Amino acid sequence: MTGRPEGAAGASGQREPQFAHPSEAQFGALLTYYGISWLYEPTTFPLSWDAEGHVTQAFAPDFYLPDYD
């Protein structure tokens, strides 16, 4: 989706993301201004697991740019 974040109000009935920091909202607005599609915190990537297979460390990127996958 170009020109607005995927998951924004009006897109598939989802709401505007709740950013953790105002700088993230500014960055999202900048991406939208330049017509770059983005998702906010769409997934978490496990990095390590304990002996029972439970995730002990993970990384959750703030923005995902699906057009640049």
Protein backbone atom coordinates (compact mmCIF):
# COMPACT_ATOMS: atom_id res chain seq x y z
CA MET A 1 0.00 0.00 0.00
CA THR A 2 1.55 3.28 -1.06
CA GLY A 3 1.16 6.65 0.61
CA ARG A 4 -0.11 5.41 3.97
CA PRO A 5 0.94 2.71 6.39
CA GLU A 6 -0.49 -0.74 5.99
CA GLY A 7 -2.77 -1.20 8.96
CA ALA A 8 -3.68 2.50 9.17
CA ALA A 9 -7.21 3.63 9.85
CA GLY A 10 -9.40 2.77 6.89
CA ALA A 11 -7.13 0.01 5.58
CA SER A 12 -8.71 -3.40 6.14
CA GLY A 13 -10.57 -2.02 9.16
CA GLN A 14 -7.38 -1.82 11.23
CA ARG A 15 -6.48 1.12 13.45
CA GLU A 16 -3.61 3.60 13.33
CA PRO A 17 -0.56 2.09 15.08
CA GLN A 18 0.26 3.13 18.64
CA PHE A 19 3.89 4.22 18.40
CA ALA A 20 6.26 3.69 21.32
CA HIS A 21 7.95 7.08 20.76
CA PRO A 22 7.06 10.29 18.88
CA SER A 23 10.12 9.84 16.64
CA GLU A 24 8.58 6.62 15.30
CA ALA A 25 5.42 8.53 14.33
CA GLN A 26 7.59 11.12 12.56
CA PHE A 27 9.49 8.39 10.71
CA GLY A 28 6.21 6.74 9.66
CA ALA A 29 4.95 10.10 8.39
CA LEU A 30 8.17 10.56 6.43
CA LEU A 31 7.82 7.13 4.81
CA THR A 32 4.20 7.90 3.95
CA TYR A 33 5.17 11.29 2.49
CA TYR A 34 7.59 9.57 0.10
CA GLY A 35 5.02 6.91 -0.84
CA ILE A 36 6.86 4.05 0.85
CA SER A 37 4.64 1.25 2.16
CA TRP A 38 5.35 0.22 5.72
CA LEU A 39 4.17 -1.93 8.60
CA TYR A 40 4.77 -1.05 12.24
CA GLU A 41 6.12 -3.88 14.42
CA PRO A 42 4.56 -6.61 12.26
CA THR A 43 6.52 -9.53 13.67
CA THR A 44 9.14 -10.70 16.13
CA PHE A 45 12.13 -12.80 15.12
CA PRO A 46 13.34 -15.39 17.67
CA LEU A 47 17.12 -15.32 18.18
CA SER A 48 17.74 -17.96 20.84
CA TRP A 49 15.89 -20.69 22.69
CA ASP A 50 16.32 -22.57 25.96
CA ALA A 51 16.65 -26.36 26.27
CA GLU A 52 12.83 -26.74 26.30
CA GLY A 53 12.47 -24.77 23.07
CA HIS A 54 11.13 -21.55 24.62
CA VAL A 55 12.31 -18.29 23.08
CA THR A 56 14.77 -16.52 25.38
CA GLN A 57 15.80 -13.66 23.06
CA ALA A 58 13.97 -12.02 20.19
CA PHE A 59 14.20 -8.99 17.92
CA ALA A 60 11.16 -6.93 16.87
CA PRO A 61 12.01 -4.31 14.23
CA ASP A 62 9.95 -1.13 14.43
CA PHE A 63 9.32 -0.84 10.69
CA TYR A 64 9.04 -3.35 7.85
CA LEU A 65 9.10 -2.10 4.26
CA PRO A 66 7.31 -4.83 2.26
CA ASP A 67 8.21 -3.37 -1.15
CA TYR A 68 11.89 -3.83 -0.30
CA ASP A 69 11.68 -7.43 0.92
